[in-house]
Amino acid sequence: MISYCPRPLLLTDPMRGWVHAFALAEQFETSRLGIITRHNAVRGPAAQCFTDCLLQEIRRRARSAAQKDSELFDELDVLY
């Protein structure tokens, strides 16, 4: 079976070891994930907690010496 998926997904536990990437000549558009809010809107407590926890986890794993974390952040560009 052949499929397209984001490269960081190949580093997850369910795909590690049995899914393999093929180098293609074609290039795909880079994807970005962001958190957006309305202009001048105040986030609710749940939204603020989610954002804070997400950024804390990203920062923690970006500094981690664990092999899985370093492989993941070799594939990602974190803009915050």
PDB file of N, CA and C in Angstrom:
ATOM      1  N   MET A   1       0.843  -1.161   0.000  1.00  0.00           N
ATOM      2  CA  MET A   1       0.000   0.000   0.000  1.00  0.00           C
ATOM      3  C   MET A   1       0.897   1.236   0.000  1.00  0.00           C
ATOM      4  N   ILE A   2       0.502   2.243  -0.731  1.00  0.00           N
ATOM      5  CA  ILE A   2       1.226   3.514  -0.769  1.00  0.00           C
ATOM      6  C   ILE A   2       0.268   4.622  -0.360  1.00  0.00           C
ATOM      7  N   SER A   3       0.770   5.538   0.470  1.00  0.00           N
ATOM      8  CA  SER A   3      -0.057   6.637   0.945  1.00  0.00           C
ATOM      9  C   SER A   3       0.819   7.851   1.194  1.00  0.00           C
ATOM     10  N   TYR A   4       0.192   8.993   1.331  1.00  0.00           N
ATOM     11  CA  TYR A   4       0.880  10.233   1.683  1.00  0.00           C
ATOM     12  C   TYR A   4       0.512  10.582   3.122  1.00  0.00           C
ATOM     13  N   CYS A   5       1.515  10.899   3.932  1.00  0.00           N
ATOM     14  CA  CYS A   5       1.263  11.378   5.286  1.00  0.00           C
ATOM     15  C   CYS A   5       2.405  12.315   5.679  1.00  0.00           C
ATOM     16  N   PRO A   6       2.169  13.170   6.661  1.00  0.00           N
ATOM     17  CA  PRO A   6       3.247  14.050   7.125  1.00  0.00           C
ATOM     18  C   PRO A   6       4.409  13.234   7.684  1.00  0.00           C
ATOM     19  N   ARG A   7       5.617  13.659   7.392  1.00  0.00           N
ATOM     20  CA  ARG A   7       6.801  12.913   7.808  1.00  0.00           C
ATOM     21  C   ARG A   7       6.883  12.693   9.321  1.00  0.00           C
ATOM     22  N   PRO A   8       6.523  13.678  10.160  1.00  0.00           N
ATOM     23  CA  PRO A   8       6.580  13.419  11.609  1.00  0.00           C
ATOM     24  C   PRO A   8       5.682  12.264  12.047  1.00  0.00           C
ATOM     25  N   LEU A   9       4.633  11.979  11.302  1.00  0.00           N
ATOM     26  CA  LEU A   9       3.750  10.865  11.649  1.00  0.00           C
ATOM     27  C   LEU A   9       4.477   9.527  11.549  1.00  0.00           C
ATOM     28  N   LEU A  10       5.484   9.450  10.704  1.00  0.00           N
ATOM     29  CA  LEU A  10       6.268   8.214  10.566  1.00  0.00           C
ATOM     30  C   LEU A  10       7.073   7.910  11.827  1.00  0.00           C
ATOM     31  N   LEU A  11       7.260   8.905  12.683  1.00  0.00           N
ATOM     32  CA  LEU A  11       8.061   8.727  13.897  1.00  0.00           C
ATOM     33  C   LEU A  11       7.223   8.316  15.101  1.00  0.00           C
ATOM     34  N   THR A  12       5.915   8.170  14.920  1.00  0.00           N
ATOM     35  CA  THR A  12       5.057   7.761  16.033  1.00  0.00           C
ATOM     36  C   THR A  12       5.175   6.267  16.278  1.00  0.00           C
ATOM     37  N   ASP A  13       4.863   5.840  17.485  1.00  0.00           N
ATOM     38  CA  ASP A  13       4.989   4.423  17.850  1.00  0.00           C
ATOM     39  C   ASP A  13       4.198   3.478  16.949  1.00  0.00           C
ATOM     40  N   PRO A  14       2.944   3.797  16.578  1.00  0.00           N
ATOM     41  CA  PRO A  14       2.218   2.845  15.731  1.00  0.00           C
ATOM     42  C   PRO A  14       2.850   2.624  14.351  1.00  0.00           C
ATOM     43  N   MET A  15       3.617   3.588  13.848  1.00  0.00           N
ATOM     44  CA  MET A  15       4.187   3.456  12.505  1.00  0.00           C
ATOM     45  C   MET A  15       5.669   3.123  12.515  1.00  0.00           C
ATOM     46  N   ARG A  16       6.303   3.283  13.648  1.00  0.00           N
ATOM     47  CA  ARG A  16       7.749   3.065  13.733  1.00  0.00           C
ATOM     48  C   ARG A  16       8.077   1.605  13.437  1.00  0.00           C
ATOM     49  N   GLY A  17       9.007   1.406  12.501  1.00  0.00           N
ATOM     50  CA  GLY A  17       9.512   0.070  12.226  1.00  0.00           C
ATOM     51  C   GLY A  17       8.846  -0.679  11.092  1.00  0.00           C
ATOM     52  N   TRP A  18       7.621  -0.346  10.726  1.00  0.00           N
ATOM     53  CA  TRP A  18       6.984  -1.100   9.639  1.00  0.00           C
ATOM     54  C   TRP A  18       6.521  -0.219   8.490  1.00  0.00           C
ATOM     55  N   VAL A  19       6.501   1.106   8.660  1.00  0.00           N
ATOM     56  CA  VAL A  19       6.173   2.025   7.575  1.00  0.00           C
ATOM     57  C   VAL A  19       7.472   2.662   7.113  1.00  0.00           C
ATOM     58  N   HIS A  20       7.681   2.709   5.808  1.00  0.00           N
ATOM     59  CA  HIS A  20       8.926   3.250   5.257  1.00  0.00           C
ATOM     60  C   HIS A  20       8.621   4.375   4.280  1.00  0.00           C
ATOM     61  N   ALA A  21       9.476   5.390   4.282  1.00  0.00           N
ATOM     62  CA  ALA A  21       9.312   6.539   3.395  1.00  0.00           C
ATOM     63  C   ALA A  21      10.079   6.307   2.099  1.00  0.00           C
ATOM     64  N   PHE A  22       9.496   6.745   0.998  1.00  0.00           N
ATOM     65  CA  PHE A  22      10.153   6.731  -0.303  1.00  0.00           C
ATOM     66  C   PHE A  22      10.518   8.155  -0.670  1.00  0.00           C
ATOM     67  N   ALA A  23      11.704   8.348  -1.196  1.00  0.00           N
ATOM     68  CA  ALA A  23      12.102   9.667  -1.670  1.00  0.00           C
ATOM     69  C   ALA A  23      11.439   9.908  -3.029  1.00  0.00           C
ATOM     70  N   LEU A  24      10.731  11.022  -3.141  1.00  0.00           N
ATOM     71  CA  LEU A  24      10.043  11.366  -4.382  1.00  0.00           C
ATOM     72  C   LEU A  24      10.637  12.622  -4.990  1.00  0.00           C
ATOM     73  N   ALA A  25      10.553  12.730  -6.285  1.00  0.00           N
ATOM     74  CA  ALA A  25      11.018  13.940  -6.958  1.00  0.00           C
ATOM     75  C   ALA A  25      10.038  15.094  -6.736  1.00  0.00           C
ATOM     76  N   GLU A  26       8.755  14.763  -6.575  1.00  0.00           N
ATOM     77  CA  GLU A  26       7.739  15.787  -6.378  1.00  0.00           C
ATOM     78  C   GLU A  26       7.848  16.389  -4.982  1.00  0.00           C
ATOM     79  N   GLN A  27       7.552  17.662  -4.873  1.00  0.00           N
ATOM     80  CA  GLN A  27       7.552  18.345  -3.589  1.00  0.00           C
ATOM     81  C   GLN A  27       6.120  18.717  -3.222  1.00  0.00           C
ATOM     82  N   PHE A  28       5.768  18.575  -1.959  1.00  0.00           N
ATOM     83  CA  PHE A  28       4.452  18.939  -1.477  1.00  0.00           C
ATOM     84  C   PHE A  28       4.553  20.216  -0.655  1.00  0.00           C
ATOM     85  N   GLU A  29       3.444  20.917  -0.583  1.00  0.00           N
ATOM     86  CA  GLU A  29       3.408  22.158   0.181  1.00  0.00           C
ATOM     87  C   GLU A  29       3.644  21.876   1.658  1.00  0.00           C
ATOM     88  N   THR A  30       4.404  22.744   2.310  1.00  0.00           N
ATOM     89  CA  THR A  30       4.663  22.618   3.732  1.00  0.00           C
ATOM     90  C   THR A  30       3.402  22.963   4.508  1.00  0.00           C
ATOM     91  N   SER A  31       3.087  22.169   5.499  1.00  0.00           N
ATOM     92  CA  SER A  31       1.903  22.401   6.321  1.00  0.00           C
ATOM     93  C   SER A  31       2.294  23.128   7.598  1.00  0.00           C
ATOM     94  N   ARG A  32       1.351  23.937   8.091  1.00  0.00           N
ATOM     95  CA  ARG A  32       1.550  24.625   9.362  1.00  0.00           C
ATOM     96  C   ARG A  32       0.328  24.393  10.232  1.00  0.00           C
ATOM     97  N   LEU A  33       0.587  24.307  11.485  1.00  0.00           N
ATOM     98  CA  LEU A  33      -0.471  24.183  12.469  1.00  0.00           C
ATOM     99  C   LEU A  33      -0.377  25.392  13.370  1.00  0.00           C
ATOM    100  N   GLY A  34      -1.489  26.038  13.612  1.00  0.00           N
ATOM    101  CA  GLY A  34      -1.464  27.225  14.447  1.00  0.00           C
ATOM    102  C   GLY A  34      -2.685  27.310  15.337  1.00  0.00           C
ATOM    103  N   ILE A  35      -2.572  28.129  16.357  1.00  0.00           N
ATOM    104  CA  ILE A  35      -3.687  28.428  17.236  1.00  0.00           C
ATOM    105  C   ILE A  35      -4.108  29.853  16.921  1.00  0.00           C
ATOM    106  N   ILE A  36      -5.361  30.012  16.558  1.00  0.00           N
ATOM    107  CA  ILE A  36      -5.836  31.342  16.193  1.00  0.00           C
ATOM    108  C   ILE A  36      -6.972  31.766  17.118  1.00  0.00           C
ATOM    109  N   THR A  37      -7.114  33.053  17.266  1.00  0.00           N
ATOM    110  CA  THR A  37      -8.205  33.623  18.044  1.00  0.00           C
ATOM    111  C   THR A  37      -8.711  34.856  17.309  1.00  0.00           C
ATOM    112  N   ARG A  38      -9.861  35.324  17.712  1.00  0.00           N
ATOM    113  CA  ARG A  38     -10.381  36.569  17.154  1.00  0.00           C
ATOM    114  C   ARG A  38      -9.554  37.731  17.685  1.00  0.00           C
ATOM    115  N   HIS A  39      -9.482  38.789  16.890  1.00  0.00           N
ATOM    116  CA  HIS A  39      -8.730  39.983  17.267  1.00  0.00           C
ATOM    117  C   HIS A  39      -9.298  40.559  18.564  1.00  0.00           C
ATOM    118  N   ASN A  40      -8.443  40.842  19.513  1.00  0.00           N
ATOM    119  CA  ASN A  40      -8.796  41.408  20.818  1.00  0.00           C
ATOM    120  C   ASN A  40      -9.699  40.506  21.652  1.00  0.00           C
ATOM    121  N   ALA A  41      -9.783  39.225  21.318  1.00  0.00           N
ATOM    122  CA  ALA A  41     -10.595  38.302  22.117  1.00  0.00           C
ATOM    123  C   ALA A  41      -9.745  37.734  23.250  1.00  0.00           C
ATOM    124  N   VAL A  42     -10.357  37.563  24.386  1.00  0.00           N
ATOM    125  CA  VAL A  42      -9.685  36.973  25.533  1.00  0.00           C
ATOM    126  C   VAL A  42     -10.017  35.484  25.540  1.00  0.00           C
ATOM    127  N   ARG A  43      -8.995  34.657  25.641  1.00  0.00           N
ATOM    128  CA  ARG A  43      -9.218  33.213  25.696  1.00  0.00           C
ATOM    129  C   ARG A  43      -9.886  32.844  27.013  1.00  0.00           C
ATOM    130  N   GLY A  44     -10.768  31.884  26.931  1.00  0.00           N
ATOM    131  CA  GLY A  44     -11.388  31.360  28.144  1.00  0.00           C
ATOM    132  C   GLY A  44     -10.378  30.553  28.929  1.00  0.00           C
ATOM    133  N   PRO A  45     -10.701  30.217  30.171  1.00  0.00           N
ATOM    134  CA  PRO A  45      -9.760  29.460  31.004  1.00  0.00           C
ATOM    135  C   PRO A  45      -9.345  28.124  30.383  1.00  0.00           C
ATOM    136  N   ALA A  46     -10.278  27.406  29.764  1.00  0.00           N
ATOM    137  CA  ALA A  46      -9.942  26.110  29.162  1.00  0.00           C
ATOM    138  C   ALA A  46      -9.010  26.294  27.966  1.00  0.00           C
ATOM    139  N   ALA A  47      -9.295  27.284  27.127  1.00  0.00           N
ATOM    140  CA  ALA A  47      -8.456  27.544  25.954  1.00  0.00           C
ATOM    141  C   ALA A  47      -7.065  27.999  26.379  1.00  0.00           C
ATOM    142  N   GLN A  48      -6.984  28.839  27.400  1.00  0.00           N
ATOM    143  CA  GLN A  48      -5.691  29.314  27.885  1.00  0.00           C
ATOM    144  C   GLN A  48      -4.900  28.163  28.492  1.00  0.00           C
ATOM    145  N   CYS A  49      -5.570  27.292  29.232  1.00  0.00           N
ATOM    146  CA  CYS A  49      -4.903  26.130  29.825  1.00  0.00           C
ATOM    147  C   CYS A  49      -4.370  25.212  28.726  1.00  0.00           C
ATOM    148  N   PHE A  50      -5.185  24.968  27.689  1.00  0.00           N
ATOM    149  CA  PHE A  50      -4.751  24.126  26.580  1.00  0.00           C
ATOM    150  C   PHE A  50      -3.519  24.710  25.903  1.00  0.00           C
ATOM    151  N   THR A  51      -3.545  25.998  25.596  1.00  0.00           N
ATOM    152  CA  THR A  51      -2.420  26.664  24.936  1.00  0.00           C
ATOM    153  C   THR A  51      -1.165  26.596  25.802  1.00  0.00           C
ATOM    154  N   ASP A  52      -1.304  26.879  27.079  1.00  0.00           N
ATOM    155  CA  ASP A  52      -0.152  26.841  27.985  1.00  0.00           C
ATOM    156  C   ASP A  52       0.434  25.435  28.083  1.00  0.00           C
ATOM    157  N   CYS A  53      -0.436  24.428  28.205  1.00  0.00           N
ATOM    158  CA  CYS A  53       0.036  23.043  28.299  1.00  0.00           C
ATOM    159  C   CYS A  53       0.708  22.590  27.003  1.00  0.00           C
ATOM    160  N   LEU A  54       0.136  22.968  25.869  1.00  0.00           N
ATOM    161  CA  LEU A  54       0.721  22.604  24.585  1.00  0.00           C
ATOM    162  C   LEU A  54       2.113  23.214  24.419  1.00  0.00           C
ATOM    163  N   LEU A  55       2.253  24.503  24.695  1.00  0.00           N
ATOM    164  CA  LEU A  55       3.559  25.156  24.567  1.00  0.00           C
ATOM    165  C   LEU A  55       4.565  24.597  25.570  1.00  0.00           C
ATOM    166  N   GLN A  56       4.122  24.290  26.773  1.00  0.00           N
ATOM    167  CA  GLN A  56       5.012  23.700  27.772  1.00  0.00           C
ATOM    168  C   GLN A  56       5.530  22.341  27.303  1.00  0.00           C
ATOM    169  N   GLU A  57       4.656  21.527  26.735  1.00  0.00           N
ATOM    170  CA  GLU A  57       5.061  20.207  26.250  1.00  0.00           C
ATOM    171  C   GLU A  57       5.995  20.317  25.053  1.00  0.00           C
ATOM    172  N   ILE A  58       5.723  21.257  24.152  1.00  0.00           N
ATOM    173  CA  ILE A  58       6.603  21.470  22.994  1.00  0.00           C
ATOM    174  C   ILE A  58       7.988  21.885  23.461  1.00  0.00           C
ATOM    175  N   ARG A  59       8.052  22.821  24.388  1.00  0.00           N
ATOM    176  CA  ARG A  59       9.349  23.282  24.901  1.00  0.00           C
ATOM    177  C   ARG A  59      10.093  22.153  25.610  1.00  0.00           C
ATOM    178  N   ARG A  60       9.373  21.367  26.416  1.00  0.00           N
ATOM    179  CA  ARG A  60      10.004  20.272  27.158  1.00  0.00           C
ATOM    180  C   ARG A  60      10.581  19.236  26.208  1.00  0.00           C
ATOM    181  N   ARG A  61       9.812  18.850  25.194  1.00  0.00           N
ATOM    182  CA  ARG A  61      10.274  17.818  24.274  1.00  0.00           C
ATOM    183  C   ARG A  61      11.334  18.347  23.323  1.00  0.00           C
ATOM    184  N   ALA A  62      11.310  19.648  23.015  1.00  0.00           N
ATOM    185  CA  ALA A  62      12.333  20.229  22.149  1.00  0.00           C
ATOM    186  C   ALA A  62      13.703  20.209  22.826  1.00  0.00           C
ATOM    187  N   ARG A  63      13.740  20.283  24.157  1.00  0.00           N
ATOM    188  CA  ARG A  63      15.002  20.258  24.918  1.00  0.00           C
ATOM    189  C   ARG A  63      15.410  18.856  25.323  1.00  0.00           C
ATOM    190  N   SER A  64      14.554  17.889  25.108  1.00  0.00           N
ATOM    191  CA  SER A  64      14.785  16.532  25.569  1.00  0.00           C
ATOM    192  C   SER A  64      15.955  15.874  24.833  1.00  0.00           C
ATOM    193  N   ALA A  65      16.674  15.024  25.548  1.00  0.00           N
ATOM    194  CA  ALA A  65      17.767  14.273  24.945  1.00  0.00           C
ATOM    195  C   ALA A  65      17.307  12.909  24.443  1.00  0.00           C
ATOM    196  N   ALA A  66      16.039  12.575  24.657  1.00  0.00           N
ATOM    197  CA  ALA A  66      15.513  11.280  24.222  1.00  0.00           C
ATOM    198  C   ALA A  66      15.573  11.168  22.696  1.00  0.00           C
ATOM    199  N   GLN A  67      15.933  10.001  22.208  1.00  0.00           N
ATOM    200  CA  GLN A  67      16.096   9.795  20.770  1.00  0.00           C
ATOM    201  C   GLN A  67      14.806  10.077  20.004  1.00  0.00           C
ATOM    202  N   LYS A  68      13.665   9.608  20.511  1.00  0.00           N
ATOM    203  CA  LYS A  68      12.385   9.841  19.831  1.00  0.00           C
ATOM    204  C   LYS A  68      12.094  11.330  19.703  1.00  0.00           C
ATOM    205  N   ASP A  69      12.352  12.083  20.771  1.00  0.00           N
ATOM    206  CA  ASP A  69      12.098  13.521  20.739  1.00  0.00           C
ATOM    207  C   ASP A  69      13.040  14.237  19.778  1.00  0.00           C
ATOM    208  N   SER A  70      14.314  13.864  19.784  1.00  0.00           N
ATOM    209  CA  SER A  70      15.261  14.526  18.882  1.00  0.00           C
ATOM    210  C   SER A  70      14.950  14.196  17.421  1.00  0.00           C
ATOM    211  N   GLU A  71      14.512  12.963  17.137  1.00  0.00           N
ATOM    212  CA  GLU A  71      14.111  12.616  15.767  1.00  0.00           C
ATOM    213  C   GLU A  71      12.902  13.444  15.330  1.00  0.00           C
ATOM    214  N   LEU A  72      11.937  13.607  16.233  1.00  0.00           N
ATOM    215  CA  LEU A  72      10.739  14.380  15.911  1.00  0.00           C
ATOM    216  C   LEU A  72      11.083  15.828  15.634  1.00  0.00           C
ATOM    217  N   PHE A  73      11.896  16.447  16.489  1.00  0.00           N
ATOM    218  CA  PHE A  73      12.214  17.854  16.305  1.00  0.00           C
ATOM    219  C   PHE A  73      13.236  18.095  15.202  1.00  0.00           C
ATOM    220  N   ASP A  74      13.887  17.049  14.703  1.00  0.00           N
ATOM    221  CA  ASP A  74      14.691  17.190  13.492  1.00  0.00           C
ATOM    222  C   ASP A  74      13.782  17.388  12.285  1.00  0.00           C
ATOM    223  N   GLU A  75      12.556  16.881  12.359  1.00  0.00           N
ATOM    224  CA  GLU A  75      11.591  16.986  11.254  1.00  0.00           C
ATOM    225  C   GLU A  75      10.727  18.241  11.343  1.00  0.00           C
ATOM    226  N   LEU A  76      10.636  18.856  12.514  1.00  0.00           N
ATOM    227  CA  LEU A  76       9.726  19.976  12.721  1.00  0.00           C
ATOM    228  C   LEU A  76      10.461  21.284  12.877  1.00  0.00           C
ATOM    229  N   ASP A  77       9.814  22.355  12.460  1.00  0.00           N
ATOM    230  CA  ASP A  77      10.255  23.714  12.766  1.00  0.00           C
ATOM    231  C   ASP A  77       9.190  24.313  13.672  1.00  0.00           C
ATOM    232  N   VAL A  78       9.557  24.610  14.905  1.00  0.00           N
ATOM    233  CA  VAL A  78       8.610  25.165  15.854  1.00  0.00           C
ATOM    234  C   VAL A  78       8.757  26.664  15.847  1.00  0.00           C
ATOM    235  N   LEU A  79       7.665  27.358  15.545  1.00  0.00           N
ATOM    236  CA  LEU A  79       7.649  28.818  15.488  1.00  0.00           C
ATOM    237  C   LEU A  79       6.729  29.322  16.590  1.00  0.00           C
ATOM    238  N   TYR A  80       7.286  29.773  17.693  1.00  0.00           N
ATOM    239  CA  TYR A  80       6.476  30.330  18.774  1.00  0.00           C
ATOM    240  C   TYR A  80       7.214  31.455  19.438  1.00  0.00           C
TER     241      TYR A  80
END
